[in-house]
Amino acid sequence: MNLLEKIHGHYVHNRRVRVLTEQLSALLPDQGRILDIGCGDGLLASLLQRAKPDASIMGIDVMVRPDTHIPVQKFDGRTIPFDDGTFDAVMFVDVLHHTDAPATLLQEASRVTRGLIVLKDHNREGLTAEAILRFMDRIGNRRHNVPLPHNYWPKQTWLDAFAQLNLRVDVWIDHVGLYPLPLDWFFGRPLHFIARLTLLDYSVSASSHAI
């Protein structure tokens, strides 16, 4: 672990987990089954579980770590191994830009949820956005061997994908506040967003149409 990774781990990570726990908790249901897709070690999900004791949260990931804070099942990164409508809500936290097929995985999430998707990811907006997002991904994820395809979408691409899957944007937060000042001036801004999406027509999203 190099110096920048150590600074990220001690200075940024704890605040990030705390802020995301607060913001995501307000958007997820208090009861029912919740699936955390690409959950990593499950720390964030475990804190959300503590905040929502009447909900049941499990995770799936392409790489299951030796020690996880919640039950985690391995999957192939494209097909979610559950039946249609298994979960009351699904969540992605900085996952879709790590996959080569974000639209496919988003469609799979629409299939297995009964109505709600909560999503935190990046916006590629502005001339320097791509370079900054690549830098953040390397610092935060390289030591965990997380794939880095740098598949960042601008906001309009996100909105188009949601519309194609019949997902309505109920909440859109584009100032998440993950970083303390002055880091937020460079690495925050509208480069991050959180969205709560409602599935308008389950029969449409559960069909086999391709994006």
C-alpha atoms as a PDB file:
ATOM      1  CA  MET A   1       0.000   0.000   0.000  1.00  0.00           C
ATOM      2  CA  ASN A   2       1.538   3.320  -1.052  1.00  0.00           C
ATOM      3  CA  LEU A   3       1.289   6.644   0.783  1.00  0.00           C
ATOM      4  CA  LEU A   4      -1.728   7.895  -1.194  1.00  0.00           C
ATOM      5  CA  GLU A   5      -3.605   4.658  -0.506  1.00  0.00           C
ATOM      6  CA  LYS A   6      -2.825   4.959   3.212  1.00  0.00           C
ATOM      7  CA  ILE A   7      -4.103   8.554   3.259  1.00  0.00           C
ATOM      8  CA  HIS A   8      -7.254   7.458   1.436  1.00  0.00           C
ATOM      9  CA  GLY A   9      -7.823   4.619   3.879  1.00  0.00           C
ATOM     10  CA  HIS A  10      -7.441   6.733   7.020  1.00  0.00           C
ATOM     11  CA  TYR A  11      -8.645  10.164   5.885  1.00  0.00           C
ATOM     12  CA  VAL A  12     -11.376   9.431   3.358  1.00  0.00           C
ATOM     13  CA  HIS A  13     -12.729   5.899   3.819  1.00  0.00           C
ATOM     14  CA  ASN A  14     -14.297   6.274   7.266  1.00  0.00           C
ATOM     15  CA  ARG A  15     -16.067   9.502   6.332  1.00  0.00           C
ATOM     16  CA  ARG A  16     -17.263   7.940   3.060  1.00  0.00           C
ATOM     17  CA  VAL A  17     -18.807   4.960   4.858  1.00  0.00           C
ATOM     18  CA  ARG A  18     -20.502   7.216   7.428  1.00  0.00           C
ATOM     19  CA  VAL A  19     -21.949   9.606   4.824  1.00  0.00           C
ATOM     20  CA  LEU A  20     -23.169   6.797   2.577  1.00  0.00           C
ATOM     21  CA  THR A  21     -24.768   4.982   5.510  1.00  0.00           C
ATOM     22  CA  GLU A  22     -26.730   8.115   6.415  1.00  0.00           C
ATOM     23  CA  GLN A  23     -27.815   8.926   2.877  1.00  0.00           C
ATOM     24  CA  LEU A  24     -28.641   5.411   1.705  1.00  0.00           C
ATOM     25  CA  SER A  25     -30.493   4.564   4.902  1.00  0.00           C
ATOM     26  CA  ALA A  26     -32.927   7.388   4.182  1.00  0.00           C
ATOM     27  CA  LEU A  27     -33.698   5.921   0.732  1.00  0.00           C
ATOM     28  CA  LEU A  28     -33.966   2.202   1.475  1.00  0.00           C
ATOM     29  CA  PRO A  29     -37.067   0.521   2.947  1.00  0.00           C
ATOM     30  CA  ASP A  30     -37.207  -0.176   6.678  1.00  0.00           C
ATOM     31  CA  GLN A  31     -38.445  -3.725   6.127  1.00  0.00           C
ATOM     32  CA  GLY A  32     -38.130  -6.506   3.575  1.00  0.00           C
ATOM     33  CA  ARG A  33     -35.273  -8.105   1.660  1.00  0.00           C
ATOM     34  CA  ILE A  34     -32.480  -5.942   0.261  1.00  0.00           C
ATOM     35  CA  LEU A  35     -29.728  -7.107  -2.091  1.00  0.00           C
ATOM     36  CA  ASP A  36     -26.381  -5.294  -2.178  1.00  0.00           C
ATOM     37  CA  ILE A  37     -24.883  -5.966  -5.625  1.00  0.00           C
ATOM     38  CA  GLY A  38     -21.092  -5.765  -5.666  1.00  0.00           C
ATOM     39  CA  CYS A  39     -20.967  -5.443  -1.894  1.00  0.00           C
ATOM     40  CA  GLY A  40     -17.215  -5.982  -1.370  1.00  0.00           C
ATOM     41  CA  ASP A  41     -16.551  -6.811   2.265  1.00  0.00           C
ATOM     42  CA  GLY A  42     -20.131  -5.877   3.199  1.00  0.00           C
ATOM     43  CA  LEU A  43     -19.149  -3.228   5.750  1.00  0.00           C
ATOM     44  CA  LEU A  44     -21.534  -0.599   4.400  1.00  0.00           C
ATOM     45  CA  ALA A  45     -24.369  -3.119   4.174  1.00  0.00           C
ATOM     46  CA  SER A  46     -23.744  -4.237   7.752  1.00  0.00           C
ATOM     47  CA  LEU A  47     -24.056  -0.647   8.977  1.00  0.00           C
ATOM     48  CA  LEU A  48     -27.274  -0.254   6.998  1.00  0.00           C
ATOM     49  CA  GLN A  49     -28.517  -3.510   8.546  1.00  0.00           C
ATOM     50  CA  ARG A  50     -27.822  -2.073  11.991  1.00  0.00           C
ATOM     51  CA  ALA A  51     -29.800   1.046  11.077  1.00  0.00           C
ATOM     52  CA  LYS A  52     -32.659  -1.101   9.717  1.00  0.00           C
ATOM     53  CA  PRO A  53     -32.993  -4.103  12.036  1.00  0.00           C
ATOM     54  CA  ASP A  54     -36.320  -5.154  10.502  1.00  0.00           C
ATOM     55  CA  ALA A  55     -34.774  -5.508   7.025  1.00  0.00           C
ATOM     56  CA  SER A  56     -32.681  -8.424   5.770  1.00  0.00           C
ATOM     57  CA  ILE A  57     -29.618  -7.459   3.723  1.00  0.00           C
ATOM     58  CA  MET A  58     -27.421  -9.882   1.781  1.00  0.00           C
ATOM     59  CA  GLY A  59     -24.785  -9.328  -0.882  1.00  0.00           C
ATOM     60  CA  ILE A  60     -23.394 -10.721  -4.098  1.00  0.00           C
ATOM     61  CA  ASP A  61     -19.998 -10.060  -5.652  1.00  0.00           C
ATOM     62  CA  VAL A  62     -17.721 -11.421  -8.344  1.00  0.00           C
ATOM     63  CA  MET A  63     -14.986 -11.823  -5.736  1.00  0.00           C
ATOM     64  CA  VAL A  64     -16.039 -13.054  -2.291  1.00  0.00           C
ATOM     65  CA  ARG A  65     -13.506 -11.909   0.282  1.00  0.00           C
ATOM     66  CA  PRO A  66     -12.355 -14.275   3.061  1.00  0.00           C
ATOM     67  CA  ASP A  67     -14.038 -12.197   5.780  1.00  0.00           C
ATOM     68  CA  THR A  68     -17.310 -10.371   5.106  1.00  0.00           C
ATOM     69  CA  HIS A  69     -19.654  -8.447   7.386  1.00  0.00           C
ATOM     70  CA  ILE A  70     -22.818  -9.862   5.772  1.00  0.00           C
ATOM     71  CA  PRO A  71     -23.657 -13.102   3.917  1.00  0.00           C
ATOM     72  CA  VAL A  72     -22.170 -12.827   0.392  1.00  0.00           C
ATOM     73  CA  GLN A  73     -22.796 -15.091  -2.588  1.00  0.00           C
ATOM     74  CA  LYS A  74     -20.530 -15.243  -5.638  1.00  0.00           C
ATOM     75  CA  PHE A  75     -21.942 -14.371  -9.074  1.00  0.00           C
ATOM     76  CA  ASP A  76     -20.573 -13.894 -12.589  1.00  0.00           C
ATOM     77  CA  GLY A  77     -21.008 -10.122 -12.755  1.00  0.00           C
ATOM     78  CA  ARG A  78     -23.796 -10.241 -15.342  1.00  0.00           C
ATOM     79  CA  THR A  79     -26.609 -12.597 -14.261  1.00  0.00           C
ATOM     80  CA  ILE A  80     -28.022 -12.155 -10.759  1.00  0.00           C
ATOM     81  CA  PRO A  81     -28.685 -15.669  -9.390  1.00  0.00           C
ATOM     82  CA  PHE A  82     -32.191 -15.056  -8.028  1.00  0.00           C
ATOM     83  CA  ASP A  83     -35.733 -15.340  -9.350  1.00  0.00           C
ATOM     84  CA  ASP A  84     -37.759 -12.398 -10.628  1.00  0.00           C
ATOM     85  CA  GLY A  85     -39.024 -10.110  -7.887  1.00  0.00           C
ATOM     86  CA  THR A  86     -37.050 -11.780  -5.085  1.00  0.00           C
ATOM     87  CA  PHE A  87     -36.104  -8.527  -3.325  1.00  0.00           C
ATOM     88  CA  ASP A  88     -37.960  -5.483  -2.105  1.00  0.00           C
ATOM     89  CA  ALA A  89     -34.961  -3.321  -3.022  1.00  0.00           C
ATOM     90  CA  VAL A  90     -31.554  -3.681  -4.614  1.00  0.00           C
ATOM     91  CA  MET A  91     -28.593  -1.352  -4.268  1.00  0.00           C
ATOM     92  CA  PHE A  92     -25.389  -0.581  -6.162  1.00  0.00           C
ATOM     93  CA  VAL A  93     -22.651   1.471  -4.504  1.00  0.00           C
ATOM     94  CA  ASP A  94     -19.883   2.425  -6.953  1.00  0.00           C
ATOM     95  CA  VAL A  95     -20.309  -0.827  -8.848  1.00  0.00           C
ATOM     96  CA  LEU A  96     -21.682  -0.231 -12.339  1.00  0.00           C
ATOM     97  CA  HIS A  97     -18.661   1.706 -13.598  1.00  0.00           C
ATOM     98  CA  HIS A  98     -16.528  -1.339 -12.725  1.00  0.00           C
ATOM     99  CA  THR A  99     -18.383  -3.623 -15.141  1.00  0.00           C
ATOM    100  CA  ASP A 100     -18.119  -3.929 -18.906  1.00  0.00           C
ATOM    101  CA  ALA A 101     -21.897  -4.258 -19.192  1.00  0.00           C
ATOM    102  CA  PRO A 102     -23.524  -1.769 -16.780  1.00  0.00           C
ATOM    103  CA  ALA A 103     -26.808  -1.680 -18.718  1.00  0.00           C
ATOM    104  CA  THR A 104     -27.099  -5.474 -18.571  1.00  0.00           C
ATOM    105  CA  LEU A 105     -26.506  -5.553 -14.824  1.00  0.00           C
ATOM    106  CA  LEU A 106     -28.951  -2.704 -14.273  1.00  0.00           C
ATOM    107  CA  GLN A 107     -31.541  -4.652 -16.243  1.00  0.00           C
ATOM    108  CA  GLU A 108     -30.889  -7.695 -14.052  1.00  0.00           C
ATOM    109  CA  ALA A 109     -31.418  -5.553 -10.957  1.00  0.00           C
ATOM    110  CA  SER A 110     -34.737  -4.397 -12.394  1.00  0.00           C
ATOM    111  CA  ARG A 111     -35.708  -8.033 -12.850  1.00  0.00           C
ATOM    112  CA  VAL A 112     -35.015  -9.199  -9.285  1.00  0.00           C
ATOM    113  CA  THR A 113     -36.484  -6.190  -7.467  1.00  0.00           C
ATOM    114  CA  ARG A 114     -40.159  -5.755  -6.680  1.00  0.00           C
ATOM    115  CA  GLY A 115     -39.947  -2.025  -7.092  1.00  0.00           C
ATOM    116  CA  LEU A 116     -36.908  -0.148  -5.818  1.00  0.00           C
ATOM    117  CA  ILE A 117     -33.286   0.410  -6.866  1.00  0.00           C
ATOM    118  CA  VAL A 118     -30.911   2.653  -4.927  1.00  0.00           C
ATOM    119  CA  LEU A 119     -27.776   3.583  -6.818  1.00  0.00           C
ATOM    120  CA  LYS A 120     -24.580   5.477  -6.019  1.00  0.00           C
ATOM    121  CA  ASP A 121     -22.181   6.043  -8.890  1.00  0.00           C
ATOM    122  CA  HIS A 122     -20.201   8.617 -10.880  1.00  0.00           C
ATOM    123  CA  ASN A 123     -21.065  11.322 -13.399  1.00  0.00           C
ATOM    124  CA  ARG A 124     -18.575  12.014 -16.187  1.00  0.00           C
ATOM    125  CA  GLU A 125     -19.345  15.713 -16.487  1.00  0.00           C
ATOM    126  CA  GLY A 126     -16.719  18.320 -17.396  1.00  0.00           C
ATOM    127  CA  LEU A 127     -13.364  18.336 -19.175  1.00  0.00           C
ATOM    128  CA  THR A 128     -11.383  16.970 -16.228  1.00  0.00           C
ATOM    129  CA  ALA A 129     -13.962  14.465 -14.961  1.00  0.00           C
ATOM    130  CA  GLU A 130     -12.503  11.399 -16.697  1.00  0.00           C
ATOM    131  CA  ALA A 131      -8.982  11.994 -15.363  1.00  0.00           C
ATOM    132  CA  ILE A 132     -10.175  12.685 -11.814  1.00  0.00           C
ATOM    133  CA  LEU A 133     -12.427   9.617 -11.728  1.00  0.00           C
ATOM    134  CA  ARG A 134      -9.647   7.393 -13.029  1.00  0.00           C
ATOM    135  CA  PHE A 135      -7.306   8.701 -10.336  1.00  0.00           C
ATOM    136  CA  MET A 136      -9.876   8.113  -7.571  1.00  0.00           C
ATOM    137  CA  ASP A 137     -10.563   4.581  -8.800  1.00  0.00           C
ATOM    138  CA  ARG A 138      -6.882   3.666  -8.829  1.00  0.00           C
ATOM    139  CA  ILE A 139      -6.312   4.960  -5.297  1.00  0.00           C
ATOM    140  CA  GLY A 140      -9.451   3.399  -3.832  1.00  0.00           C
ATOM    141  CA  ASN A 141      -9.575   0.050  -5.613  1.00  0.00           C
ATOM    142  CA  ARG A 142      -6.265  -1.083  -7.087  1.00  0.00           C
ATOM    143  CA  ARG A 143      -5.070  -2.776  -3.880  1.00  0.00           C
ATOM    144  CA  HIS A 144      -8.288  -4.835  -3.780  1.00  0.00           C
ATOM    145  CA  ASN A 145      -7.775  -6.129  -7.363  1.00  0.00           C
ATOM    146  CA  VAL A 146     -11.083  -4.604  -8.425  1.00  0.00           C
ATOM    147  CA  PRO A 147     -11.445  -4.398 -12.250  1.00  0.00           C
ATOM    148  CA  LEU A 148     -11.002  -0.843 -13.522  1.00  0.00           C
ATOM    149  CA  PRO A 149     -12.613  -0.520 -16.978  1.00  0.00           C
ATOM    150  CA  HIS A 150     -13.281   3.190 -16.274  1.00  0.00           C
ATOM    151  CA  ASN A 151     -16.778   2.892 -17.706  1.00  0.00           C
ATOM    152  CA  TYR A 152     -18.057   6.287 -16.568  1.00  0.00           C
ATOM    153  CA  TRP A 153     -21.324   7.635 -17.941  1.00  0.00           C
ATOM    154  CA  PRO A 154     -22.492  11.258 -18.181  1.00  0.00           C
ATOM    155  CA  LYS A 155     -25.792  12.066 -16.492  1.00  0.00           C
ATOM    156  CA  GLN A 156     -27.826  11.913 -19.685  1.00  0.00           C
ATOM    157  CA  THR A 157     -26.653   8.365 -20.413  1.00  0.00           C
ATOM    158  CA  TRP A 158     -27.775   7.326 -16.938  1.00  0.00           C
ATOM    159  CA  LEU A 159     -31.178   8.940 -17.472  1.00  0.00           C
ATOM    160  CA  ASP A 160     -31.579   7.296 -20.884  1.00  0.00           C
ATOM    161  CA  ALA A 161     -30.762   3.868 -19.417  1.00  0.00           C
ATOM    162  CA  PHE A 162     -33.267   4.377 -16.596  1.00  0.00           C
ATOM    163  CA  ALA A 163     -35.997   5.409 -19.046  1.00  0.00           C
ATOM    164  CA  GLN A 164     -35.347   2.386 -21.260  1.00  0.00           C
ATOM    165  CA  LEU A 165     -35.822   0.094 -18.273  1.00  0.00           C
ATOM    166  CA  ASN A 166     -38.987   1.912 -17.191  1.00  0.00           C
ATOM    167  CA  LEU A 167     -37.321   3.226 -14.035  1.00  0.00           C
ATOM    168  CA  ARG A 168     -38.558   6.526 -12.645  1.00  0.00           C
ATOM    169  CA  VAL A 169     -36.060   8.755 -10.856  1.00  0.00           C
ATOM    170  CA  ASP A 170     -37.665   9.675  -7.525  1.00  0.00           C
ATOM    171  CA  VAL A 171     -34.542  11.143  -5.888  1.00  0.00           C
ATOM    172  CA  TRP A 172     -31.370  12.505  -7.464  1.00  0.00           C
ATOM    173  CA  ILE A 173     -28.591  13.795  -5.179  1.00  0.00           C
ATOM    174  CA  ASP A 174     -25.564  15.233  -6.966  1.00  0.00           C
ATOM    175  CA  HIS A 175     -23.702  16.713  -4.007  1.00  0.00           C
ATOM    176  CA  VAL A 176     -23.075  13.685  -1.850  1.00  0.00           C
ATOM    177  CA  GLY A 177     -20.462  15.247   0.459  1.00  0.00           C
ATOM    178  CA  LEU A 178     -18.141  12.261   0.650  1.00  0.00           C
ATOM    179  CA  TYR A 179     -14.971  14.253   1.156  1.00  0.00           C
ATOM    180  CA  PRO A 180     -13.893  16.807   3.742  1.00  0.00           C
ATOM    181  CA  LEU A 181     -12.756  20.219   2.548  1.00  0.00           C
ATOM    182  CA  PRO A 182     -10.619  20.991   0.635  1.00  0.00           C
ATOM    183  CA  LEU A 183     -10.757  17.542  -1.031  1.00  0.00           C
ATOM    184  CA  ASP A 184     -14.426  18.008  -1.877  1.00  0.00           C
ATOM    185  CA  TRP A 185     -13.559  20.928  -4.165  1.00  0.00           C
ATOM    186  CA  PHE A 186     -11.583  18.566  -6.402  1.00  0.00           C
ATOM    187  CA  PHE A 187     -13.038  15.074  -5.905  1.00  0.00           C
ATOM    188  CA  GLY A 188     -16.639  15.800  -4.950  1.00  0.00           C
ATOM    189  CA  ARG A 189     -18.620  18.351  -6.963  1.00  0.00           C
ATOM    190  CA  PRO A 190     -21.163  16.668  -9.300  1.00  0.00           C
ATOM    191  CA  LEU A 191     -18.792  13.755  -9.995  1.00  0.00           C
ATOM    192  CA  HIS A 192     -20.868  11.609  -7.623  1.00  0.00           C
ATOM    193  CA  PHE A 193     -24.602  11.017  -7.421  1.00  0.00           C
ATOM    194  CA  ILE A 194     -27.117   8.972  -5.493  1.00  0.00           C
ATOM    195  CA  ALA A 195     -30.446   8.049  -7.085  1.00  0.00           C
ATOM    196  CA  ARG A 196     -33.552   6.254  -5.910  1.00  0.00           C
ATOM    197  CA  LEU A 197     -35.395   4.590  -8.775  1.00  0.00           C
ATOM    198  CA  THR A 198     -38.889   3.128  -8.826  1.00  0.00           C
ATOM    199  CA  LEU A 199     -39.804   0.333 -11.197  1.00  0.00           C
ATOM    200  CA  LEU A 200     -42.956   1.462 -12.988  1.00  0.00           C
ATOM    201  CA  ASP A 201     -43.910  -1.756 -14.745  1.00  0.00           C
ATOM    202  CA  TYR A 202     -42.469  -5.021 -13.479  1.00  0.00           C
ATOM    203  CA  SER A 203     -43.633  -6.985 -16.529  1.00  0.00           C
ATOM    204  CA  VAL A 204     -41.584  -4.754 -18.835  1.00  0.00           C
ATOM    205  CA  SER A 205     -38.316  -4.979 -16.891  1.00  0.00           C
ATOM    206  CA  ALA A 206     -38.673  -8.715 -16.313  1.00  0.00           C
ATOM    207  CA  SER A 207     -38.956  -9.430 -20.012  1.00  0.00           C
ATOM    208  CA  SER A 208     -35.953 -10.544 -22.047  1.00  0.00           C
ATOM    209  CA  HIS A 209     -35.640  -7.389 -24.186  1.00  0.00           C
ATOM    210  CA  ALA A 210     -32.077  -6.160 -24.638  1.00  0.00           C
ATOM    211  CA  ILE A 211     -30.781  -2.662 -24.037  1.00  0.00           C
END
